[in-house]
Amino acid sequence: MSPIKSQRQECIIYSRVVGWLTPTKNWNPGKASEFTDRQTYQTCQNNN
C-alpha cells in the first residue's frame, strides 16, 4: 500500500434535516438522490 493511501481518512458528510445533523452515508437511496438535487443559495447581508 502506498504511503499516501495509508494516511487518508474517510470524510463524513453531514446534512441538517429538520434540526438534526445526520451523516449522508446512512440515508436510503431516495433521500441520497434528493440530496444531490439540492441547490444552495447565498443571501446578501445588509451591513447598515
Protein backbone atom coordinates (compact mmCIF):
# COMPACT_ATOMS: atom_id res chain seq x y z
CA MET A 1 0.00 0.00 0.00
CA SER A 2 1.29 3.45 -0.87
CA PRO A 3 2.12 5.87 1.99
CA ILE A 4 -0.49 8.35 0.75
CA LYS A 5 -3.38 5.85 0.90
CA SER A 6 -2.41 4.73 4.40
CA GLN A 7 -2.73 8.34 5.67
CA ARG A 8 -6.22 9.02 4.25
CA GLN A 9 -9.30 9.16 6.42
CA GLU A 10 -12.92 8.84 5.46
CA CYS A 11 -14.69 12.18 5.03
CA ILE A 12 -18.17 12.02 6.55
CA ILE A 13 -20.67 14.48 5.08
CA TYR A 14 -23.46 15.65 7.36
CA SER A 15 -26.67 17.38 6.38
CA ARG A 16 -29.14 19.20 8.56
CA VAL A 17 -32.63 17.75 8.32
CA VAL A 18 -35.31 19.40 10.47
CA GLY A 19 -32.81 20.49 13.08
CA TRP A 20 -30.84 17.24 13.24
CA LEU A 21 -27.39 16.64 11.75
CA THR A 22 -27.24 13.23 10.11
CA PRO A 23 -24.45 11.54 8.12
CA THR A 24 -25.48 11.21 4.47
CA LYS A 25 -23.91 7.76 4.14
CA ASN A 26 -26.72 6.35 6.34
CA TRP A 27 -29.50 7.62 4.07
CA ASN A 28 -31.70 5.43 1.90
CA PRO A 29 -31.25 5.77 -1.90
CA GLY A 30 -34.25 8.10 -2.29
CA LYS A 31 -33.01 10.57 0.29
CA ALA A 32 -29.47 10.45 -1.11
CA SER A 33 -30.83 11.21 -4.59
CA GLU A 34 -32.80 14.18 -3.25
CA PHE A 35 -29.64 15.48 -1.55
CA THR A 36 -27.73 15.54 -4.85
CA ASP A 37 -30.57 17.54 -6.47
CA ARG A 38 -30.44 20.32 -3.85
CA GLN A 39 -29.29 23.79 -4.80
CA THR A 40 -27.51 26.15 -2.44
CA TYR A 41 -28.28 29.84 -2.26
CA GLN A 42 -26.40 32.76 -0.80
CA THR A 43 -28.29 35.63 0.70
CA CYS A 44 -26.91 39.14 0.77
CA GLN A 45 -26.29 40.69 4.14
CA ASN A 46 -27.10 44.32 4.73
CA ASN A 47 -24.39 45.91 6.89
CA ASN A 48 -26.11 49.21 7.70
